[in-house]
């Protein structure tokens, strides 16, 4: 074997191992932090959405103090609700004349995620989010609902849950309780706090 080739190969191997060690040490000394980013929905203005869209704000939900989705959606044009239990726990929602058979022609989402495991078989029979813990509600009808997947013939109902406070060292919360006839009772509470940590 050629001694020059052996020496140059050995020198290259030593140089590479030293540089790899230096690179590994350099990256371990520096701590990298990435800011958490959560994206829900789109930044498209409601007036630019194809089809029709309705946005029910937190102020509107607070104003009427509705915890029944049937009463909340009564103000939205083109949305029809048929109740099963009278408490809004199993609503049958239809949009644009598609029928109200257990939400089988619309997609119901919570924070942009389908709420039922089987969108083709009576999704409202499994679970329906309670409106009391929602911050805002989006109703999309027509072409705007196509991007949300199958069974959006009538449209999409997206319930957005309450977000945490964003100001440093701030907190917010609420307690809501009610009693009524027919053995009705309801309790709902939430609390959230933004805690600022010291950066070293």
C-alpha atoms as a PDB file:
ATOM      1  CA  UNK A   1       0.000   0.000   0.000  1.00  0.00           C
ATOM      2  CA  UNK A   2       1.215   3.498  -0.814  1.00  0.00           C
ATOM      3  CA  UNK A   3       2.478   5.215   2.393  1.00  0.00           C
ATOM      4  CA  UNK A   4       1.468   8.672   1.083  1.00  0.00           C
ATOM      5  CA  UNK A   5      -2.137   7.490   0.542  1.00  0.00           C
ATOM      6  CA  UNK A   6      -2.243   5.911   4.017  1.00  0.00           C
ATOM      7  CA  UNK A   7      -0.948   9.081   5.711  1.00  0.00           C
ATOM      8  CA  UNK A   8      -3.366  11.374   3.832  1.00  0.00           C
ATOM      9  CA  UNK A   9      -6.320   9.069   4.596  1.00  0.00           C
ATOM     10  CA  UNK A  10      -5.361   8.947   8.271  1.00  0.00           C
ATOM     11  CA  UNK A  11      -4.953  12.746   8.410  1.00  0.00           C
ATOM     12  CA  UNK A  12      -8.373  13.241   6.787  1.00  0.00           C
ATOM     13  CA  UNK A  13     -10.046  10.868   9.263  1.00  0.00           C
ATOM     14  CA  UNK A  14      -8.462  12.654  12.257  1.00  0.00           C
ATOM     15  CA  UNK A  15      -9.446  16.087  10.897  1.00  0.00           C
ATOM     16  CA  UNK A  16     -13.053  15.003  10.334  1.00  0.00           C
ATOM     17  CA  UNK A  17     -13.394  13.493  13.804  1.00  0.00           C
ATOM     18  CA  UNK A  18     -12.004  16.652  15.423  1.00  0.00           C
ATOM     19  CA  UNK A  19     -14.340  18.924  13.469  1.00  0.00           C
ATOM     20  CA  UNK A  20     -17.356  16.697  14.240  1.00  0.00           C
ATOM     21  CA  UNK A  21     -16.491  16.865  17.957  1.00  0.00           C
ATOM     22  CA  UNK A  22     -16.142  20.650  17.756  1.00  0.00           C
ATOM     23  CA  UNK A  23     -19.491  20.983  15.983  1.00  0.00           C
ATOM     24  CA  UNK A  24     -21.226  18.701  18.506  1.00  0.00           C
ATOM     25  CA  UNK A  25     -19.731  20.643  21.422  1.00  0.00           C
ATOM     26  CA  UNK A  26     -20.680  23.973  19.850  1.00  0.00           C
ATOM     27  CA  UNK A  27     -24.352  22.998  19.412  1.00  0.00           C
ATOM     28  CA  UNK A  28     -24.646  21.491  22.904  1.00  0.00           C
ATOM     29  CA  UNK A  29     -23.378  24.697  24.550  1.00  0.00           C
ATOM     30  CA  UNK A  30     -26.101  26.845  22.976  1.00  0.00           C
ATOM     31  CA  UNK A  31     -29.671  26.294  24.026  1.00  0.00           C
ATOM     32  CA  UNK A  32     -32.221  27.007  21.347  1.00  0.00           C
ATOM     33  CA  UNK A  33     -35.801  27.891  22.189  1.00  0.00           C
ATOM     34  CA  UNK A  34     -38.591  28.101  19.691  1.00  0.00           C
ATOM     35  CA  UNK A  35     -41.757  30.022  20.348  1.00  0.00           C
ATOM     36  CA  UNK A  36     -44.903  27.891  20.229  1.00  0.00           C
ATOM     37  CA  UNK A  37     -47.189  28.813  17.345  1.00  0.00           C
ATOM     38  CA  UNK A  38     -50.793  27.621  17.056  1.00  0.00           C
ATOM     39  CA  UNK A  39     -52.720  28.226  13.847  1.00  0.00           C
ATOM     40  CA  UNK A  40     -56.469  27.663  13.773  1.00  0.00           C
ATOM     41  CA  UNK A  41     -58.660  28.695  10.874  1.00  0.00           C
ATOM     42  CA  UNK A  42     -57.511  31.129   8.233  1.00  0.00           C
ATOM     43  CA  UNK A  43     -56.729  34.807   8.026  1.00  0.00           C
ATOM     44  CA  UNK A  44     -59.260  35.384   5.265  1.00  0.00           C
ATOM     45  CA  UNK A  45     -61.672  38.224   5.979  1.00  0.00           C
ATOM     46  CA  UNK A  46     -65.273  37.129   6.475  1.00  0.00           C
ATOM     47  CA  UNK A  47     -66.415  39.370   3.586  1.00  0.00           C
ATOM     48  CA  UNK A  48     -63.972  37.662   1.184  1.00  0.00           C
ATOM     49  CA  UNK A  49     -65.074  34.082   1.924  1.00  0.00           C
ATOM     50  CA  UNK A  50     -66.899  32.368  -0.968  1.00  0.00           C
ATOM     51  CA  UNK A  51     -70.421  31.384   0.027  1.00  0.00           C
ATOM     52  CA  UNK A  52     -71.717  32.831   3.255  1.00  0.00           C
ATOM     53  CA  UNK A  53     -70.226  32.937   6.720  1.00  0.00           C
ATOM     54  CA  UNK A  54     -71.428  34.059  10.135  1.00  0.00           C
ATOM     55  CA  UNK A  55     -69.195  34.786  13.099  1.00  0.00           C
ATOM     56  CA  UNK A  56     -70.758  34.827  16.569  1.00  0.00           C
ATOM     57  CA  UNK A  57     -68.388  36.732  18.845  1.00  0.00           C
ATOM     58  CA  UNK A  58     -67.664  36.315  22.539  1.00  0.00           C
ATOM     59  CA  UNK A  59     -69.562  39.552  23.239  1.00  0.00           C
ATOM     60  CA  UNK A  60     -72.701  38.200  21.557  1.00  0.00           C
ATOM     61  CA  UNK A  61     -72.509  34.928  23.481  1.00  0.00           C
ATOM     62  CA  UNK A  62     -72.077  36.825  26.765  1.00  0.00           C
ATOM     63  CA  UNK A  63     -74.901  39.220  25.963  1.00  0.00           C
ATOM     64  CA  UNK A  64     -77.521  36.505  25.598  1.00  0.00           C
ATOM     65  CA  UNK A  65     -75.974  34.062  28.116  1.00  0.00           C
ATOM     66  CA  UNK A  66     -77.084  31.107  26.017  1.00  0.00           C
ATOM     67  CA  UNK A  67     -75.657  27.688  26.809  1.00  0.00           C
ATOM     68  CA  UNK A  68     -77.992  25.950  24.368  1.00  0.00           C
ATOM     69  CA  UNK A  69     -76.663  25.772  20.789  1.00  0.00           C
ATOM     70  CA  UNK A  70     -80.229  25.795  19.438  1.00  0.00           C
ATOM     71  CA  UNK A  71     -80.861  29.276  20.816  1.00  0.00           C
ATOM     72  CA  UNK A  72     -77.456  30.548  19.677  1.00  0.00           C
ATOM     73  CA  UNK A  73     -77.973  29.374  16.085  1.00  0.00           C
ATOM     74  CA  UNK A  74     -81.529  30.745  15.923  1.00  0.00           C
ATOM     75  CA  UNK A  75     -80.064  34.125  14.912  1.00  0.00           C
ATOM     76  CA  UNK A  76     -78.073  32.683  11.976  1.00  0.00           C
ATOM     77  CA  UNK A  77     -79.916  32.814   8.619  1.00  0.00           C
ATOM     78  CA  UNK A  78     -80.253  29.491   6.803  1.00  0.00           C
ATOM     79  CA  UNK A  79     -79.588  27.321   9.882  1.00  0.00           C
ATOM     80  CA  UNK A  80     -82.343  25.089  11.252  1.00  0.00           C
ATOM     81  CA  UNK A  81     -82.223  23.179  14.537  1.00  0.00           C
ATOM     82  CA  UNK A  82     -84.501  20.406  15.747  1.00  0.00           C
ATOM     83  CA  UNK A  83     -84.040  19.429  19.388  1.00  0.00           C
ATOM     84  CA  UNK A  84     -84.213  15.941  20.847  1.00  0.00           C
ATOM     85  CA  UNK A  85     -83.963  16.670  24.559  1.00  0.00           C
ATOM     86  CA  UNK A  86     -84.820  20.357  25.071  1.00  0.00           C
ATOM     87  CA  UNK A  87     -81.446  21.161  26.653  1.00  0.00           C
ATOM     88  CA  UNK A  88     -79.333  21.519  23.515  1.00  0.00           C
ATOM     89  CA  UNK A  89     -77.237  18.433  24.272  1.00  0.00           C
ATOM     90  CA  UNK A  90     -78.204  16.531  21.105  1.00  0.00           C
ATOM     91  CA  UNK A  91     -79.095  19.110  18.479  1.00  0.00           C
ATOM     92  CA  UNK A  92     -80.051  18.123  14.952  1.00  0.00           C
ATOM     93  CA  UNK A  93     -78.666  20.926  12.796  1.00  0.00           C
ATOM     94  CA  UNK A  94     -79.333  21.534   9.128  1.00  0.00           C
ATOM     95  CA  UNK A  95     -78.149  24.299   6.830  1.00  0.00           C
ATOM     96  CA  UNK A  96     -79.553  25.577   3.550  1.00  0.00           C
ATOM     97  CA  UNK A  97     -82.420  23.075   3.484  1.00  0.00           C
ATOM     98  CA  UNK A  98     -80.307  19.907   3.838  1.00  0.00           C
ATOM     99  CA  UNK A  99     -82.417  18.421   6.627  1.00  0.00           C
ATOM    100  CA  UNK A 100     -81.708  18.103  10.319  1.00  0.00           C
ATOM    101  CA  UNK A 101     -81.071  14.357  10.694  1.00  0.00           C
ATOM    102  CA  UNK A 102     -78.479  14.297  13.471  1.00  0.00           C
ATOM    103  CA  UNK A 103     -76.085  16.674  11.697  1.00  0.00           C
ATOM    104  CA  UNK A 104     -75.514  14.168   8.893  1.00  0.00           C
ATOM    105  CA  UNK A 105     -75.118  16.839   6.181  1.00  0.00           C
ATOM    106  CA  UNK A 106     -72.840  19.246   8.058  1.00  0.00           C
ATOM    107  CA  UNK A 107     -69.451  18.990   9.738  1.00  0.00           C
ATOM    108  CA  UNK A 108     -69.325  19.951  13.399  1.00  0.00           C
ATOM    109  CA  UNK A 109     -65.864  20.867  14.631  1.00  0.00           C
ATOM    110  CA  UNK A 110     -64.289  22.016  17.849  1.00  0.00           C
ATOM    111  CA  UNK A 111     -61.219  24.179  17.283  1.00  0.00           C
ATOM    112  CA  UNK A 112     -61.065  22.959  13.679  1.00  0.00           C
ATOM    113  CA  UNK A 113     -61.155  19.228  14.568  1.00  0.00           C
ATOM    114  CA  UNK A 114     -64.161  16.961  13.872  1.00  0.00           C
ATOM    115  CA  UNK A 115     -66.014  16.219  17.122  1.00  0.00           C
ATOM    116  CA  UNK A 116     -67.403  12.795  16.167  1.00  0.00           C
ATOM    117  CA  UNK A 117     -65.489   9.647  15.251  1.00  0.00           C
ATOM    118  CA  UNK A 118     -67.768   8.749  12.337  1.00  0.00           C
ATOM    119  CA  UNK A 119     -68.905  11.674  10.183  1.00  0.00           C
ATOM    120  CA  UNK A 120     -71.110   9.337   8.101  1.00  0.00           C
ATOM    121  CA  UNK A 121     -73.272   8.010  10.938  1.00  0.00           C
ATOM    122  CA  UNK A 122     -75.182  10.375  13.226  1.00  0.00           C
ATOM    123  CA  UNK A 123     -72.275  12.389  14.666  1.00  0.00           C
ATOM    124  CA  UNK A 124     -74.431  14.239  17.197  1.00  0.00           C
ATOM    125  CA  UNK A 125     -75.321  10.917  18.861  1.00  0.00           C
ATOM    126  CA  UNK A 126     -71.747  10.644  20.164  1.00  0.00           C
ATOM    127  CA  UNK A 127     -70.869  14.041  21.549  1.00  0.00           C
ATOM    128  CA  UNK A 128     -71.731  17.677  21.102  1.00  0.00           C
ATOM    129  CA  UNK A 129     -69.596  20.404  22.728  1.00  0.00           C
ATOM    130  CA  UNK A 130     -71.349  22.586  25.291  1.00  0.00           C
ATOM    131  CA  UNK A 131     -71.652  26.201  24.234  1.00  0.00           C
ATOM    132  CA  UNK A 132     -70.901  27.516  27.726  1.00  0.00           C
ATOM    133  CA  UNK A 133     -67.210  26.793  27.308  1.00  0.00           C
ATOM    134  CA  UNK A 134     -66.925  28.289  23.828  1.00  0.00           C
ATOM    135  CA  UNK A 135     -65.494  31.710  23.085  1.00  0.00           C
ATOM    136  CA  UNK A 136     -66.711  32.158  19.515  1.00  0.00           C
ATOM    137  CA  UNK A 137     -68.672  30.232  16.878  1.00  0.00           C
ATOM    138  CA  UNK A 138     -68.121  30.168  13.110  1.00  0.00           C
ATOM    139  CA  UNK A 139     -70.827  29.065  10.670  1.00  0.00           C
ATOM    140  CA  UNK A 140     -69.743  28.503   7.052  1.00  0.00           C
ATOM    141  CA  UNK A 141     -72.184  27.688   4.261  1.00  0.00           C
ATOM    142  CA  UNK A 142     -71.635  27.056   0.566  1.00  0.00           C
ATOM    143  CA  UNK A 143     -68.231  26.877  -1.123  1.00  0.00           C
ATOM    144  CA  UNK A 144     -66.395  28.045   2.021  1.00  0.00           C
ATOM    145  CA  UNK A 145     -67.080  24.692   3.694  1.00  0.00           C
ATOM    146  CA  UNK A 146     -65.531  22.462   0.995  1.00  0.00           C
ATOM    147  CA  UNK A 147     -62.002  22.539   2.424  1.00  0.00           C
ATOM    148  CA  UNK A 148     -63.201  20.985   5.702  1.00  0.00           C
ATOM    149  CA  UNK A 149     -63.728  17.513   4.238  1.00  0.00           C
ATOM    150  CA  UNK A 150     -66.655  15.177   3.608  1.00  0.00           C
ATOM    151  CA  UNK A 151     -70.257  15.687   4.642  1.00  0.00           C
ATOM    152  CA  UNK A 152     -70.183  19.451   4.268  1.00  0.00           C
ATOM    153  CA  UNK A 153     -73.144  19.602   1.882  1.00  0.00           C
ATOM    154  CA  UNK A 154     -74.949  22.020   4.178  1.00  0.00           C
ATOM    155  CA  UNK A 155     -71.934  23.673   5.737  1.00  0.00           C
ATOM    156  CA  UNK A 156     -69.587  23.703   8.702  1.00  0.00           C
ATOM    157  CA  UNK A 157     -70.133  24.631  12.334  1.00  0.00           C
ATOM    158  CA  UNK A 158     -66.825  25.377  14.082  1.00  0.00           C
ATOM    159  CA  UNK A 159     -66.973  25.955  17.846  1.00  0.00           C
ATOM    160  CA  UNK A 160     -63.846  27.704  19.150  1.00  0.00           C
ATOM    161  CA  UNK A 161     -62.998  27.025  22.778  1.00  0.00           C
ATOM    162  CA  UNK A 162     -61.839  29.650  25.218  1.00  0.00           C
ATOM    163  CA  UNK A 163     -58.226  30.762  24.832  1.00  0.00           C
ATOM    164  CA  UNK A 164     -55.773  31.387  27.638  1.00  0.00           C
ATOM    165  CA  UNK A 165     -54.885  34.949  28.633  1.00  0.00           C
ATOM    166  CA  UNK A 166     -52.011  36.408  26.631  1.00  0.00           C
ATOM    167  CA  UNK A 167     -50.903  39.404  28.721  1.00  0.00           C
ATOM    168  CA  UNK A 168     -48.005  38.649  31.101  1.00  0.00           C
ATOM    169  CA  UNK A 169     -49.076  37.669  34.642  1.00  0.00           C
ATOM    170  CA  UNK A 170     -52.775  38.057  33.823  1.00  0.00           C
ATOM    171  CA  UNK A 171     -55.632  35.713  34.626  1.00  0.00           C
ATOM    172  CA  UNK A 172     -59.305  35.331  33.826  1.00  0.00           C
ATOM    173  CA  UNK A 173     -62.073  33.064  34.974  1.00  0.00           C
ATOM    174  CA  UNK A 174     -65.788  32.623  35.496  1.00  0.00           C
ATOM    175  CA  UNK A 175     -68.249  30.512  37.477  1.00  0.00           C
ATOM    176  CA  UNK A 176     -71.729  29.852  36.100  1.00  0.00           C
ATOM    177  CA  UNK A 177     -74.396  27.794  37.874  1.00  0.00           C
ATOM    178  CA  UNK A 178     -78.109  27.327  37.291  1.00  0.00           C
ATOM    179  CA  UNK A 179     -81.021  25.310  38.689  1.00  0.00           C
ATOM    180  CA  UNK A 180     -84.405  24.718  37.138  1.00  0.00           C
ATOM    181  CA  UNK A 181     -87.458  22.530  36.957  1.00  0.00           C
ATOM    182  CA  UNK A 182     -87.504  18.902  35.804  1.00  0.00           C
ATOM    183  CA  UNK A 183     -84.335  18.182  37.804  1.00  0.00           C
ATOM    184  CA  UNK A 184     -82.272  20.586  35.720  1.00  0.00           C
ATOM    185  CA  UNK A 185     -78.956  21.774  37.089  1.00  0.00           C
ATOM    186  CA  UNK A 186     -75.856  23.112  35.435  1.00  0.00           C
ATOM    187  CA  UNK A 187     -72.417  24.093  36.627  1.00  0.00           C
ATOM    188  CA  UNK A 188     -69.564  25.490  34.605  1.00  0.00           C
ATOM    189  CA  UNK A 189     -66.324  27.153  35.646  1.00  0.00           C
ATOM    190  CA  UNK A 190     -63.053  28.023  34.020  1.00  0.00           C
ATOM    191  CA  UNK A 191     -59.824  29.701  35.046  1.00  0.00           C
ATOM    192  CA  UNK A 192     -56.683  30.493  33.085  1.00  0.00           C
ATOM    193  CA  UNK A 193     -53.472  32.290  33.950  1.00  0.00           C
ATOM    194  CA  UNK A 194     -50.524  33.487  31.901  1.00  0.00           C
ATOM    195  CA  UNK A 195     -47.380  33.049  33.927  1.00  0.00           C
ATOM    196  CA  UNK A 196     -44.273  34.875  32.780  1.00  0.00           C
ATOM    197  CA  UNK A 197     -41.003  33.069  33.413  1.00  0.00           C
ATOM    198  CA  UNK A 198     -37.673  34.795  33.923  1.00  0.00           C
ATOM    199  CA  UNK A 199     -35.288  34.473  30.986  1.00  0.00           C
ATOM    200  CA  UNK A 200     -31.703  33.700  32.014  1.00  0.00           C
END
